[in-house]
Amino acid sequence: MNVFLNPEIEQFIQTQIESGKYASPEEVIVDALKVFAAKSHIEAPVQVKTPEELGWPPGFFEQTAGCLQDEPLMRYPEGEYEVREPLE
């Protein structure tokens, strides 16, 4: 397979070889393709399931959202905590 690269990419490849990190243009391209393949795998779209598909009854969240709006939430005193030795 023959691939034609623009001058900027050719210069980048040459710079990578001159840095000593790579011995040939093929090594630079193979490494770049590995990174591209890994990135493409990570960015694969995730199919989002609806609540019904996850087993929730239809309308469950619409019916229960805000059900506590009239009930004040109370946080009762928890008392004193025991003092422990500090970690070293």
N, C-alpha and C. Protein backbone atom coordinates (compact mmCIF):
# COMPACT_ATOMS: atom_id res chain seq x y z
N MET A 1 0.86 -1.17 0.00
CA MET A 1 0.00 0.00 0.00
C MET A 1 0.90 1.24 0.00
N ASN A 2 0.62 2.15 -0.88
CA ASN A 2 1.33 3.42 -0.92
C ASN A 2 0.44 4.51 -0.36
N VAL A 3 0.99 5.34 0.50
CA VAL A 3 0.23 6.42 1.10
C VAL A 3 0.99 7.71 0.84
N PHE A 4 0.28 8.74 0.40
CA PHE A 4 0.90 10.03 0.18
C PHE A 4 0.53 10.94 1.35
N LEU A 5 1.54 11.54 1.96
CA LEU A 5 1.34 12.39 3.13
C LEU A 5 1.66 13.83 2.77
N ASN A 6 0.96 14.75 3.44
CA ASN A 6 1.28 16.16 3.20
C ASN A 6 2.62 16.49 3.86
N PRO A 7 3.26 17.57 3.46
CA PRO A 7 4.59 17.90 3.98
C PRO A 7 4.67 18.05 5.50
N GLU A 8 3.60 18.54 6.13
CA GLU A 8 3.62 18.71 7.59
C GLU A 8 3.70 17.35 8.29
N ILE A 9 2.95 16.39 7.79
CA ILE A 9 2.97 15.04 8.38
C ILE A 9 4.32 14.38 8.14
N GLU A 10 4.86 14.54 6.94
CA GLU A 10 6.19 13.99 6.65
C GLU A 10 7.24 14.58 7.57
N GLN A 11 7.14 15.89 7.83
CA GLN A 11 8.09 16.54 8.73
C GLN A 11 7.93 16.01 10.16
N PHE A 12 6.69 15.82 10.58
CA PHE A 12 6.44 15.28 11.92
C PHE A 12 7.06 13.89 12.06
N ILE A 13 6.86 13.05 11.06
CA ILE A 13 7.43 11.70 11.09
C ILE A 13 8.95 11.77 11.15
N GLN A 14 9.53 12.63 10.33
CA GLN A 14 10.99 12.77 10.32
C GLN A 14 11.50 13.25 11.68
N THR A 15 10.79 14.17 12.30
CA THR A 15 11.17 14.68 13.62
C THR A 15 11.14 13.56 14.65
N GLN A 16 10.13 12.70 14.58
CA GLN A 16 10.03 11.58 15.52
C GLN A 16 11.19 10.61 15.34
N ILE A 17 11.58 10.37 14.10
CA ILE A 17 12.72 9.47 13.83
C ILE A 17 14.01 10.10 14.34
N GLU A 18 14.20 11.40 14.08
CA GLU A 18 15.41 12.09 14.52
C GLU A 18 15.51 12.16 16.04
N SER A 19 14.38 12.13 16.73
CA SER A 19 14.40 12.16 18.20
C SER A 19 14.93 10.86 18.78
N GLY A 20 14.98 9.81 17.96
CA GLY A 20 15.46 8.52 18.42
C GLY A 20 14.39 7.61 18.97
N LYS A 21 13.18 8.11 19.06
CA LYS A 21 12.09 7.29 19.60
C LYS A 21 11.69 6.20 18.61
N TYR A 22 11.80 6.48 17.33
CA TYR A 22 11.44 5.53 16.29
C TYR A 22 12.61 5.34 15.33
N ALA A 23 12.67 4.15 14.73
CA ALA A 23 13.76 3.85 13.79
C ALA A 23 13.33 4.03 12.34
N SER A 24 12.02 4.05 12.08
CA SER A 24 11.57 4.14 10.69
C SER A 24 10.21 4.82 10.63
N PRO A 25 9.83 5.29 9.42
CA PRO A 25 8.49 5.87 9.26
C PRO A 25 7.39 4.86 9.58
N GLU A 26 7.63 3.60 9.26
CA GLU A 26 6.62 2.58 9.53
C GLU A 26 6.31 2.48 11.02
N GLU A 27 7.35 2.57 11.86
CA GLU A 27 7.13 2.50 13.30
C GLU A 27 6.28 3.67 13.79
N VAL A 28 6.53 4.86 13.25
CA VAL A 28 5.74 6.04 13.65
C VAL A 28 4.28 5.84 13.25
N ILE A 29 4.06 5.39 12.04
CA ILE A 29 2.69 5.23 11.54
C ILE A 29 1.97 4.11 12.29
N VAL A 30 2.64 3.01 12.56
CA VAL A 30 2.01 1.91 13.30
C VAL A 30 1.62 2.37 14.70
N ASP A 31 2.51 3.11 15.36
CA ASP A 31 2.21 3.61 16.70
C ASP A 31 1.03 4.58 16.66
N ALA A 32 1.01 5.46 15.65
CA ALA A 32 -0.09 6.41 15.52
C ALA A 32 -1.41 5.68 15.28
N LEU A 33 -1.38 4.63 14.48
CA LEU A 33 -2.60 3.88 14.21
C LEU A 33 -3.09 3.13 15.45
N LYS A 34 -2.17 2.66 16.27
CA LYS A 34 -2.56 2.01 17.53
C LYS A 34 -3.29 3.00 18.44
N VAL A 35 -2.75 4.21 18.53
CA VAL A 35 -3.39 5.25 19.35
C VAL A 35 -4.77 5.58 18.78
N PHE A 36 -4.86 5.70 17.46
CA PHE A 36 -6.13 6.00 16.81
C PHE A 36 -7.15 4.89 17.08
N ALA A 37 -6.71 3.63 16.98
CA ALA A 37 -7.62 2.50 17.21
C ALA A 37 -8.11 2.49 18.65
N ALA A 38 -7.22 2.76 19.60
CA ALA A 38 -7.62 2.78 21.01
C ALA A 38 -8.60 3.92 21.26
N LYS A 39 -8.33 5.08 20.68
CA LYS A 39 -9.22 6.23 20.86
C LYS A 39 -10.58 5.95 20.24
N SER A 40 -10.59 5.35 19.08
CA SER A 40 -11.86 5.03 18.41
C SER A 40 -12.68 4.06 19.24
N HIS A 41 -12.01 3.12 19.90
CA HIS A 41 -12.71 2.15 20.74
C HIS A 41 -13.32 2.84 21.96
N ILE A 42 -12.60 3.76 22.56
CA ILE A 42 -13.09 4.46 23.74
C ILE A 42 -14.28 5.34 23.40
N GLU A 43 -14.25 5.97 22.24
CA GLU A 43 -15.29 6.91 21.87
C GLU A 43 -16.49 6.24 21.20
N ALA A 44 -16.54 4.92 21.21
CA ALA A 44 -17.66 4.22 20.59
C ALA A 44 -18.95 4.64 21.30
N PRO A 45 -19.99 4.93 20.55
CA PRO A 45 -21.24 5.37 21.17
C PRO A 45 -21.84 4.28 22.06
N VAL A 46 -22.32 4.71 23.20
CA VAL A 46 -22.94 3.79 24.14
C VAL A 46 -24.46 3.89 23.95
N GLN A 47 -25.08 2.75 23.78
CA GLN A 47 -26.53 2.75 23.61
C GLN A 47 -27.18 2.96 24.97
N VAL A 48 -27.97 4.03 25.07
CA VAL A 48 -28.64 4.36 26.32
C VAL A 48 -29.99 3.67 26.34
N LYS A 49 -30.27 2.98 27.45
CA LYS A 49 -31.55 2.28 27.60
C LYS A 49 -32.53 3.16 28.35
N THR A 50 -33.79 3.02 28.01
CA THR A 50 -34.84 3.75 28.70
C THR A 50 -35.09 3.09 30.05
N PRO A 51 -35.72 3.81 30.99
CA PRO A 51 -36.03 3.19 32.28
C PRO A 51 -36.87 1.92 32.13
N GLU A 52 -37.78 1.92 31.15
CA GLU A 52 -38.61 0.74 30.94
C GLU A 52 -37.77 -0.45 30.48
N GLU A 53 -36.76 -0.18 29.63
CA GLU A 53 -35.87 -1.24 29.17
C GLU A 53 -35.01 -1.78 30.31
N LEU A 54 -34.81 -0.96 31.35
CA LEU A 54 -34.03 -1.38 32.51
C LEU A 54 -34.90 -2.05 33.58
N GLY A 55 -36.20 -2.18 33.31
CA GLY A 55 -37.07 -2.90 34.23
C GLY A 55 -37.94 -2.03 35.12
N TRP A 56 -37.89 -0.71 34.97
CA TRP A 56 -38.73 0.16 35.79
C TRP A 56 -40.13 0.21 35.19
N PRO A 57 -41.15 0.33 36.03
CA PRO A 57 -42.52 0.43 35.51
C PRO A 57 -42.68 1.72 34.69
N PRO A 58 -43.53 1.69 33.66
CA PRO A 58 -43.75 2.90 32.86
C PRO A 58 -44.23 4.07 33.73
N GLY A 59 -43.61 5.25 33.55
CA GLY A 59 -44.02 6.44 34.29
C GLY A 59 -43.52 6.51 35.72
N PHE A 60 -42.69 5.58 36.16
CA PHE A 60 -42.27 5.54 37.56
C PHE A 60 -41.60 6.85 37.99
N PHE A 61 -40.64 7.31 37.21
CA PHE A 61 -39.91 8.50 37.62
C PHE A 61 -40.76 9.77 37.51
N GLU A 62 -41.65 9.81 36.55
CA GLU A 62 -42.54 10.96 36.42
C GLU A 62 -43.50 11.05 37.61
N GLN A 63 -43.90 9.91 38.15
CA GLN A 63 -44.84 9.88 39.26
C GLN A 63 -44.16 10.12 40.61
N THR A 64 -42.90 9.75 40.73
CA THR A 64 -42.24 9.85 42.03
C THR A 64 -41.34 11.07 42.18
N ALA A 65 -40.97 11.71 41.09
CA ALA A 65 -40.09 12.87 41.18
C ALA A 65 -40.80 13.98 41.94
N GLY A 66 -40.17 14.51 42.95
CA GLY A 66 -40.75 15.61 43.73
C GLY A 66 -41.75 15.17 44.77
N CYS A 67 -41.84 13.89 45.08
CA CYS A 67 -42.85 13.43 46.03
C CYS A 67 -42.58 13.91 47.46
N LEU A 68 -41.38 14.36 47.75
CA LEU A 68 -41.05 14.83 49.09
C LEU A 68 -41.11 16.36 49.20
N GLN A 69 -41.65 17.05 48.21
CA GLN A 69 -41.56 18.50 48.20
C GLN A 69 -42.29 19.15 49.36
N ASP A 70 -43.30 18.53 49.93
CA ASP A 70 -44.04 19.13 51.03
C ASP A 70 -43.58 18.64 52.40
N GLU A 71 -42.72 17.65 52.44
CA GLU A 71 -42.25 17.11 53.71
C GLU A 71 -40.87 17.68 54.01
N PRO A 72 -40.73 18.41 55.13
CA PRO A 72 -39.40 18.92 55.46
C PRO A 72 -38.48 17.77 55.90
N LEU A 73 -37.28 17.80 55.44
CA LEU A 73 -36.31 16.80 55.85
C LEU A 73 -35.61 17.31 57.10
N MET A 74 -35.54 16.45 58.10
CA MET A 74 -34.92 16.82 59.37
C MET A 74 -33.61 16.06 59.52
N ARG A 75 -32.58 16.77 59.96
CA ARG A 75 -31.33 16.10 60.29
C ARG A 75 -31.17 16.23 61.80
N TYR A 76 -31.29 15.10 62.43
CA TYR A 76 -31.25 15.09 63.88
C TYR A 76 -29.81 15.11 64.37
N PRO A 77 -29.57 15.65 65.58
CA PRO A 77 -28.20 15.66 66.12
C PRO A 77 -27.64 14.24 66.21
N GLU A 78 -26.38 14.10 65.88
CA GLU A 78 -25.76 12.78 65.88
C GLU A 78 -24.91 12.53 67.11
N GLY A 79 -24.83 13.50 67.97
CA GLY A 79 -24.04 13.31 69.17
C GLY A 79 -22.56 13.60 68.92
N GLU A 80 -21.76 13.27 69.91
CA GLU A 80 -20.33 13.52 69.83
C GLU A 80 -19.63 12.33 69.20
N TYR A 81 -18.62 12.62 68.42
CA TYR A 81 -17.80 11.56 67.85
C TYR A 81 -16.63 11.28 68.77
N GLU A 82 -16.22 10.02 68.83
CA GLU A 82 -15.06 9.70 69.65
C GLU A 82 -13.80 10.18 68.95
N VAL A 83 -12.86 10.65 69.75
CA VAL A 83 -11.60 11.15 69.21
C VAL A 83 -10.65 9.96 69.11
N ARG A 84 -10.08 9.77 67.92
CA ARG A 84 -9.17 8.66 67.70
C ARG A 84 -7.75 9.16 67.50
N GLU A 85 -6.82 8.22 67.60
CA GLU A 85 -5.43 8.59 67.37
C GLU A 85 -5.24 8.96 65.91
N PRO A 86 -4.42 9.98 65.64
CA PRO A 86 -4.19 10.37 64.25
C PRO A 86 -3.39 9.31 63.50
N LEU A 87 -3.63 9.22 62.19
CA LEU A 87 -2.87 8.30 61.35
C LEU A 87 -1.49 8.90 61.06
N GLU A 88 -0.53 8.03 60.96
CA GLU A 88 0.81 8.52 60.68
C GLU A 88 1.24 8.12 59.30
